[in-house]
Amino acid sequence: AMKFQLGIEPQLKLNMEPAALEAGDILPKLYIKNIKGAAMKNSHGIKCKNCGAELNIDVSKDIVECEFCNTEYLLSDIAGNSIKRKIQTNQAKSALKKFLSVMFCMFMLTLSLCYLLSIEELYYQDAYISITTAIIGAAASVTAFVMKLVKKIKSRLRYIIPTVLSVVMLLATELTTDIPAAHDIVWEEIILAEHLPEPPTSKGNVLSNNLDRMYIDLYNVSEKQLTDYIKTCQNAGFNIDAKKDYGYRAYNSEGYLLELNYYSDVMSISFDTPLEAHMIEIPQNPISADLPVPKSNMGVIDSETSRHFSCRICNTPPEDFSKYVQECIDNGFNVDYSRSDDSFYASHADGRRISVLYEGFNIMNISIY
């Protein structure tokens, strides 16, 4: 046999039988074949039993073909221990990739179903968005599995497309989860409904409905509807100590407190019954030391611990509120203080902090900690 040494990296050996030289173009063909396979295949010292040429073995394939005489061998029949170890390693990697691919599909499908089930109650038109989101998630998982089976598609592309679909699913779900739950509110079923005008829409969510307090959210409320409802409430008597910020806050002559807040087409209605006041005393303990005694002893204690005390005092008009704030300043609550017509915030030299607020309807809120 004639042997030719070619100067390429890695070094290639061309083994040709004399009969092979009868074809004048055998050398270029062998040269091209070895150039193409040199970077990907390795010779392990195993020779072809038919022509004696060294076999270029690709451990990722089950069939090994001699490039000189085209004789085919089963890799498992000719493989040595080192090759078998590589085969086992490749099989383990392949099994791991398949396992991760299946887990990815299951994860995306489960995630889609969880998102769908977490959105319990939506507008009818928004339910379609939720269902579409789940379909996109399922499509992402199925696409990942199908692309894994199609070997012609590049490995990176197999995961890029499902990942993009997954991102779209997450963004769509983020939008749908911001949509609040909606009911058809029956106004007659609201316990305190007789004290308040009926709102402009019944589509919303009841968060609290008891003898002391009502809190509901109403959806798709326009600014005009909000303005008209505020006027209706004012005409109904809710115009005492009124404040307008992001909505409306006022008492009526009986002491019922109405608060309307408006943000992004959602109107929140908070409605509280009059404060049930009784005779109270400011406790004598370290946290409330130096705290002035209010002029009125009628009110409610909201919290009393060793580190915090808060109460609401009734029968305290704005002028009495201002006098009480001045007494707090004189008693040492004058560090970093902030004062307005209806609020006072300050610290004591010993680190205690106090807040005094005029809530309206002659009610003063005191909190110290």
Protein backbone atom coordinates (compact mmCIF):
# COMPACT_ATOMS: atom_id res chain seq x y z
CA ALA A 1 0.00 0.00 0.00
CA MET A 2 1.14 3.53 -0.78
CA LYS A 3 0.93 6.00 2.12
CA PHE A 4 0.79 9.79 1.66
CA GLN A 5 1.48 12.25 4.44
CA LEU A 6 -0.60 15.45 4.07
CA GLY A 7 0.49 18.62 5.84
CA ILE A 8 -2.77 19.59 7.52
CA GLU A 9 -3.82 19.87 11.17
CA PRO A 10 -4.70 17.41 12.50
CA GLN A 11 -2.28 15.14 10.62
CA LEU A 12 -4.08 12.88 8.13
CA LYS A 13 -2.91 9.53 6.77
CA LEU A 14 -4.28 8.30 3.47
CA ASN A 15 -4.04 4.53 3.03
CA MET A 16 -4.60 3.42 -0.56
CA GLU A 17 -4.47 -0.05 -2.03
CA PRO A 18 -2.75 -0.42 -5.49
CA ALA A 19 -6.11 -1.27 -7.04
CA ALA A 20 -7.43 2.06 -5.86
CA LEU A 21 -4.86 3.92 -8.02
CA GLU A 22 -6.61 2.82 -11.19
CA ALA A 23 -9.06 5.70 -10.68
CA GLY A 24 -7.22 8.88 -11.50
CA ASP A 25 -9.35 11.07 -9.28
CA ILE A 26 -9.19 8.90 -6.14
CA LEU A 27 -6.58 11.11 -4.42
CA PRO A 28 -8.59 14.39 -4.69
CA LYS A 29 -11.71 12.62 -3.47
CA LEU A 30 -9.92 11.15 -0.48
CA TYR A 31 -8.27 14.48 0.22
CA ILE A 32 -11.61 16.30 0.26
CA LYS A 33 -13.23 13.62 2.39
CA ASN A 34 -10.52 13.81 5.01
CA ILE A 35 -10.52 17.62 5.03
CA LYS A 36 -14.26 17.66 5.77
CA GLY A 37 -14.08 15.08 8.52
CA ALA A 38 -10.78 15.95 10.15
CA ALA A 39 -12.19 18.52 12.55
CA MET A 40 -15.10 16.32 13.70
CA LYS A 41 -13.85 12.71 13.64
CA ASN A 42 -11.03 10.92 15.37
CA SER A 43 -8.97 7.86 14.56
CA HIS A 44 -8.72 5.37 17.45
CA GLY A 45 -6.23 2.97 15.87
CA ILE A 46 -8.96 0.64 14.61
CA LYS A 47 -8.43 -0.57 11.05
CA CYS A 48 -10.84 -1.73 8.41
CA LYS A 49 -10.86 -5.53 8.17
CA ASN A 50 -11.43 -5.31 4.42
CA CYS A 51 -8.76 -2.86 3.21
CA GLY A 52 -6.64 -2.22 6.29
CA ALA A 53 -7.25 1.55 6.38
CA GLU A 54 -7.72 3.32 9.70
CA LEU A 55 -11.34 4.02 10.47
CA ASN A 56 -12.46 7.52 11.36
CA ILE A 57 -14.92 6.97 14.18
CA ASP A 58 -17.69 9.35 15.19
CA VAL A 59 -18.95 8.12 18.58
CA SER A 60 -22.24 9.95 18.10
CA LYS A 61 -23.20 7.56 15.28
CA ASP A 62 -24.06 3.87 15.53
CA ILE A 63 -22.61 2.97 12.09
CA VAL A 64 -18.95 3.40 11.12
CA GLU A 65 -18.15 3.43 7.40
CA CYS A 66 -14.69 2.99 5.93
CA GLU A 67 -13.93 5.98 3.74
CA PHE A 68 -11.78 3.93 1.41
CA CYS A 69 -13.79 0.79 0.67
CA ASN A 70 -17.20 1.84 2.10
CA THR A 71 -17.39 -1.19 4.36
CA GLU A 72 -19.80 -0.58 7.24
CA TYR A 73 -19.42 -1.73 10.84
CA LEU A 74 -21.57 -1.49 13.97
CA LEU A 75 -19.82 0.79 16.39
CA SER A 76 -20.65 -1.53 19.28
CA ASP A 77 -18.86 -4.41 17.48
CA ILE A 78 -15.54 -2.66 16.91
CA ALA A 79 -15.41 -0.23 19.82
CA GLY A 80 -12.74 -0.54 22.48
CA ASN A 81 -13.13 0.38 26.14
CA SER A 82 -12.25 4.07 25.61
CA ILE A 83 -14.81 4.40 22.81
CA LYS A 84 -17.45 2.59 24.84
CA ARG A 85 -16.89 5.06 27.66
CA LYS A 86 -17.40 7.94 25.21
CA ILE A 87 -20.54 6.26 23.90
CA GLN A 88 -21.86 5.91 27.43
CA THR A 89 -21.04 9.56 28.13
CA ASN A 90 -22.82 10.69 24.97
CA GLN A 91 -25.83 8.54 25.83
CA ALA A 92 -25.96 10.04 29.31
CA LYS A 93 -25.77 13.57 27.89
CA SER A 94 -28.48 12.76 25.38
CA ALA A 95 -30.72 11.31 28.10
CA LEU A 96 -30.14 14.37 30.27
CA LYS A 97 -31.05 16.72 27.41
CA LYS A 98 -34.25 14.77 26.75
CA PHE A 99 -35.11 14.82 30.45
CA LEU A 100 -34.53 18.59 30.73
CA SER A 101 -36.54 19.13 27.56
CA VAL A 102 -39.48 17.16 28.96
CA MET A 103 -39.20 18.99 32.29
CA PHE A 104 -39.18 22.33 30.47
CA CYS A 105 -42.34 21.35 28.60
CA MET A 106 -44.06 20.18 31.77
CA PHE A 107 -43.01 23.33 33.63
CA MET A 108 -44.36 25.66 30.96
CA LEU A 109 -47.61 23.72 30.69
CA THR A 110 -48.06 23.66 34.48
CA LEU A 111 -47.23 27.35 34.71
CA SER A 112 -49.85 28.11 32.09
CA LEU A 113 -52.52 26.16 33.94
CA CYS A 114 -51.60 27.78 37.26
CA TYR A 115 -51.94 31.24 35.75
CA LEU A 116 -55.31 30.33 34.30
CA LEU A 117 -56.60 28.90 37.59
CA SER A 118 -55.28 31.84 39.66
CA ILE A 119 -57.54 34.28 37.82
CA GLU A 120 -60.82 33.19 39.33
CA GLU A 121 -63.25 35.91 38.34
CA LEU A 122 -62.94 38.35 35.46
CA TYR A 123 -65.08 40.37 33.15
CA TYR A 124 -66.42 38.18 30.37
CA GLN A 125 -64.27 39.93 27.79
CA ASP A 126 -61.17 39.58 29.99
CA ALA A 127 -61.68 35.85 30.40
CA TYR A 128 -60.71 35.47 26.74
CA ILE A 129 -57.38 37.16 27.51
CA SER A 130 -56.70 34.68 30.30
CA ILE A 131 -57.57 31.69 28.12
CA THR A 132 -55.39 33.04 25.31
CA THR A 133 -52.51 33.41 27.76
CA ALA A 134 -52.80 29.78 28.81
CA ILE A 135 -52.90 28.69 25.16
CA ILE A 136 -49.71 30.65 24.45
CA GLY A 137 -47.98 28.93 27.39
CA ALA A 138 -49.09 25.51 26.20
CA ALA A 139 -47.93 26.34 22.68
CA ALA A 140 -44.51 27.27 24.08
CA SER A 141 -44.12 23.90 25.79
CA VAL A 142 -45.39 21.91 22.79
CA THR A 143 -43.14 23.89 20.44
CA ALA A 144 -40.12 23.11 22.62
CA PHE A 145 -40.91 19.40 22.48
CA VAL A 146 -41.54 19.34 18.72
CA MET A 147 -38.40 21.32 17.94
CA LYS A 148 -36.40 18.88 20.01
CA LEU A 149 -37.57 16.08 17.75
CA VAL A 150 -36.73 17.94 14.53
CA LYS A 151 -32.98 17.45 14.27
CA LYS A 152 -32.59 19.68 11.21
CA ILE A 153 -33.31 22.78 13.25
CA LYS A 154 -30.27 24.25 14.96
CA SER A 155 -30.10 23.47 18.67
CA ARG A 156 -30.18 27.13 19.71
CA LEU A 157 -33.28 27.81 17.63
CA ARG A 158 -35.06 24.93 19.37
CA TYR A 159 -35.04 26.93 22.59
CA ILE A 160 -35.13 30.55 21.34
CA ILE A 161 -38.64 30.30 19.88
CA PRO A 162 -40.20 28.61 22.95
CA THR A 163 -38.44 31.12 25.19
CA VAL A 164 -39.89 34.03 23.21
CA LEU A 165 -43.35 32.48 23.46
CA SER A 166 -42.85 32.03 27.20
CA VAL A 167 -41.90 35.69 27.65
CA VAL A 168 -44.99 36.72 25.70
CA MET A 169 -47.07 34.47 27.95
CA LEU A 170 -45.63 36.02 31.12
CA LEU A 171 -46.19 39.59 29.88
CA ALA A 172 -49.75 38.80 28.86
CA THR A 173 -50.43 37.15 32.19
CA GLU A 174 -49.00 40.13 34.06
CA LEU A 175 -51.53 42.33 32.32
CA THR A 176 -54.44 40.02 32.99
CA THR A 177 -53.60 39.49 36.67
CA ASP A 178 -53.88 43.26 37.22
CA ILE A 179 -57.54 43.04 36.23
CA PRO A 180 -59.59 43.04 39.46
CA ALA A 181 -62.37 40.61 40.19
CA ALA A 182 -65.84 41.84 39.21
CA HIS A 183 -69.35 41.09 40.43
CA ASP A 184 -72.78 42.49 39.78
CA ILE A 185 -73.34 44.24 43.09
CA VAL A 186 -76.92 44.25 44.32
CA TRP A 187 -77.16 47.57 46.16
CA GLU A 188 -80.10 46.40 48.30
CA GLU A 189 -77.84 43.70 49.80
CA ILE A 190 -75.41 46.30 51.17
CA ILE A 191 -76.19 46.66 54.90
CA LEU A 192 -75.51 50.42 55.08
CA ALA A 193 -77.01 51.18 51.66
CA GLU A 194 -79.93 53.18 53.12
CA HIS A 195 -77.52 55.86 54.38
CA LEU A 196 -75.80 56.43 51.05
CA PRO A 197 -76.88 57.27 47.47
CA GLU A 198 -76.67 54.38 45.03
CA PRO A 199 -73.45 54.55 42.95
CA PRO A 200 -73.44 54.99 39.13
CA THR A 201 -72.49 51.39 38.32
CA SER A 202 -73.04 47.95 39.84
CA LYS A 203 -69.95 46.26 38.36
CA GLY A 204 -67.40 45.88 41.13
CA ASN A 205 -66.22 44.01 44.19
CA VAL A 206 -67.48 44.13 47.78
CA LEU A 207 -64.53 44.05 50.19
CA SER A 208 -66.40 44.80 53.41
CA ASN A 209 -70.10 44.75 54.22
CA ASN A 210 -71.11 44.78 57.90
CA LEU A 211 -72.94 46.89 60.46
CA ASP A 212 -69.94 49.16 61.12
CA ARG A 213 -68.28 49.57 57.76
CA MET A 214 -68.73 49.22 54.01
CA TYR A 215 -65.95 49.15 51.44
CA ILE A 216 -66.50 48.47 47.73
CA ASP A 217 -64.60 48.97 44.47
CA LEU A 218 -66.49 49.96 41.34
CA TYR A 219 -64.90 49.48 37.91
CA ASN A 220 -65.09 51.39 34.62
CA VAL A 221 -66.20 54.61 36.33
CA SER A 222 -65.59 57.75 34.29
CA GLU A 223 -64.47 61.07 35.79
CA LYS A 224 -67.86 62.56 34.93
CA GLN A 225 -69.63 59.77 36.80
CA LEU A 226 -67.36 60.43 39.78
CA THR A 227 -68.12 64.16 39.72
CA ASP A 228 -71.85 63.56 39.42
CA TYR A 229 -71.80 61.06 42.30
CA ILE A 230 -69.91 63.51 44.54
CA LYS A 231 -72.59 66.15 43.87
CA THR A 232 -75.29 63.60 44.66
CA CYS A 233 -73.59 62.76 47.98
CA GLN A 234 -73.23 66.46 48.83
CA ASN A 235 -76.91 66.99 48.19
CA ALA A 236 -77.60 64.02 50.48
CA GLY A 237 -75.86 65.85 53.35
CA PHE A 238 -72.25 64.66 53.12
CA ASN A 239 -70.69 68.12 53.19
CA ILE A 240 -69.31 68.56 56.73
CA ASP A 241 -65.51 69.02 56.92
CA ALA A 242 -65.32 68.07 53.24
CA LYS A 243 -61.96 67.47 51.57
CA LYS A 244 -61.13 66.88 47.92
CA ASP A 245 -57.87 65.17 46.97
CA TYR A 246 -58.03 62.15 44.67
CA GLY A 247 -61.73 61.86 45.44
CA TYR A 248 -63.92 63.15 48.23
CA ARG A 249 -64.12 62.87 52.04
CA ALA A 250 -66.90 64.26 54.23
CA TYR A 251 -69.23 63.63 57.16
CA ASN A 252 -72.95 64.09 57.38
CA SER A 253 -74.82 65.60 60.34
CA GLU A 254 -75.17 62.19 62.02
CA GLY A 255 -71.43 61.49 61.94
CA TYR A 256 -71.32 58.97 59.07
CA LEU A 257 -68.00 59.24 57.23
CA LEU A 258 -67.86 58.90 53.44
CA GLU A 259 -64.57 58.54 51.55
CA LEU A 260 -64.37 58.30 47.76
CA ASN A 261 -61.05 57.49 46.10
CA TYR A 262 -60.54 57.38 42.34
CA TYR A 263 -57.68 55.89 40.35
CA SER A 264 -57.51 54.44 36.84
CA ASP A 265 -61.28 54.14 36.27
CA VAL A 266 -61.77 52.50 39.69
CA MET A 267 -63.85 54.30 42.31
CA SER A 268 -63.51 53.06 45.89
CA ILE A 269 -66.27 53.82 48.38
CA SER A 270 -65.46 53.66 52.09
CA PHE A 271 -68.34 54.29 54.48
CA ASP A 272 -68.09 54.22 58.31
CA THR A 273 -70.73 54.55 60.98
CA PRO A 274 -70.48 57.29 63.66
CA LEU A 275 -67.85 56.81 66.35
CA GLU A 276 -69.31 55.17 69.44
CA ALA A 277 -67.53 57.24 72.07
CA HIS A 278 -67.33 56.65 75.81
CA MET A 279 -65.40 58.09 78.72
CA ILE A 280 -61.66 57.31 78.54
CA GLU A 281 -58.47 58.24 80.41
CA ILE A 282 -54.95 58.74 79.13
CA PRO A 283 -52.87 55.93 80.70
CA GLN A 284 -50.00 56.84 83.01
CA ASN A 285 -47.02 54.89 81.65
CA PRO A 286 -43.61 55.70 80.12
CA ILE A 287 -44.88 55.78 76.53
CA SER A 288 -47.58 58.37 77.28
CA ALA A 289 -45.55 60.45 79.73
CA ASP A 290 -45.73 64.23 79.06
CA LEU A 291 -48.79 63.67 76.87
CA PRO A 292 -51.27 66.51 77.56
CA VAL A 293 -54.72 65.59 78.81
CA PRO A 294 -57.33 66.50 76.19
CA LYS A 295 -60.16 68.87 77.10
CA SER A 296 -62.74 66.18 76.30
CA ASN A 297 -62.65 62.75 77.91
CA MET A 298 -65.06 61.18 75.41
CA GLY A 299 -63.56 58.97 72.78
CA VAL A 300 -62.21 55.55 71.85
CA ILE A 301 -58.85 53.90 72.65
CA ASP A 302 -57.64 52.18 69.46
CA SER A 303 -54.37 50.74 70.81
CA GLU A 304 -52.57 50.55 74.14
CA THR A 305 -49.28 48.68 74.58
CA SER A 306 -45.97 49.32 76.31
CA ARG A 307 -44.63 50.81 73.07
CA HIS A 308 -47.65 52.43 71.47
CA PHE A 309 -50.80 54.30 72.40
CA SER A 310 -53.47 55.73 70.12
CA CYS A 311 -56.95 57.09 70.66
CA ARG A 312 -59.64 59.26 69.08
CA ILE A 313 -61.11 62.08 71.10
CA CYS A 314 -64.58 63.43 70.33
CA ASN A 315 -66.00 66.91 71.01
CA THR A 316 -62.76 68.55 69.91
CA PRO A 317 -63.42 71.46 67.52
CA PRO A 318 -60.55 72.91 65.42
CA GLU A 319 -59.71 75.60 68.01
CA ASP A 320 -59.33 73.01 70.77
CA PHE A 321 -57.21 70.92 68.41
CA SER A 322 -54.81 73.87 67.90
CA LYS A 323 -54.55 74.44 71.65
CA TYR A 324 -53.77 70.77 72.25
CA VAL A 325 -51.00 70.82 69.64
CA GLN A 326 -49.43 73.81 71.37
CA GLU A 327 -49.54 71.98 74.71
CA CYS A 328 -47.67 69.05 73.07
CA ILE A 329 -44.96 71.43 71.90
CA ASP A 330 -44.69 73.00 75.37
CA ASN A 331 -44.37 69.53 76.96
CA GLY A 332 -41.26 68.69 74.93
CA PHE A 333 -42.60 67.30 71.65
CA ASN A 334 -40.74 69.92 69.66
CA VAL A 335 -37.94 68.05 67.88
CA ASP A 336 -38.20 68.01 64.07
CA TYR A 337 -41.87 68.87 64.24
CA SER A 338 -44.26 69.64 61.39
CA ARG A 339 -47.51 71.51 62.00
CA SER A 340 -50.55 72.43 59.91
CA ASP A 341 -54.21 73.30 60.51
CA ASP A 342 -55.19 69.64 60.77
CA SER A 343 -51.97 67.73 61.55
CA PHE A 344 -48.98 67.72 63.86
CA TYR A 345 -45.93 65.44 63.78
CA ALA A 346 -42.98 65.70 66.20
CA SER A 347 -40.39 63.85 68.27
CA HIS A 348 -39.43 64.10 71.91
CA ALA A 349 -35.82 64.43 73.08
CA ASP A 350 -36.02 60.87 74.43
CA GLY A 351 -36.88 59.48 70.96
CA ARG A 352 -40.64 59.10 71.24
CA ARG A 353 -42.72 60.28 68.29
CA ILE A 354 -46.22 61.73 68.28
CA SER A 355 -48.85 62.48 65.66
CA VAL A 356 -52.00 64.50 66.29
CA LEU A 357 -54.58 64.72 63.50
CA TYR A 358 -57.89 66.51 63.15
CA GLU A 359 -60.09 63.99 61.32
CA GLY A 360 -63.17 66.16 61.08
CA PHE A 361 -66.56 66.19 62.81
CA ASN A 362 -64.76 67.40 65.99
CA ILE A 363 -62.67 64.21 66.24
CA MET A 364 -58.96 64.37 67.14
CA ASN A 365 -56.65 61.39 66.59
CA ILE A 366 -53.65 61.00 68.92
CA SER A 367 -50.88 58.45 68.37
CA ILE A 368 -47.61 58.16 70.27
CA TYR A 369 -44.86 55.53 70.01
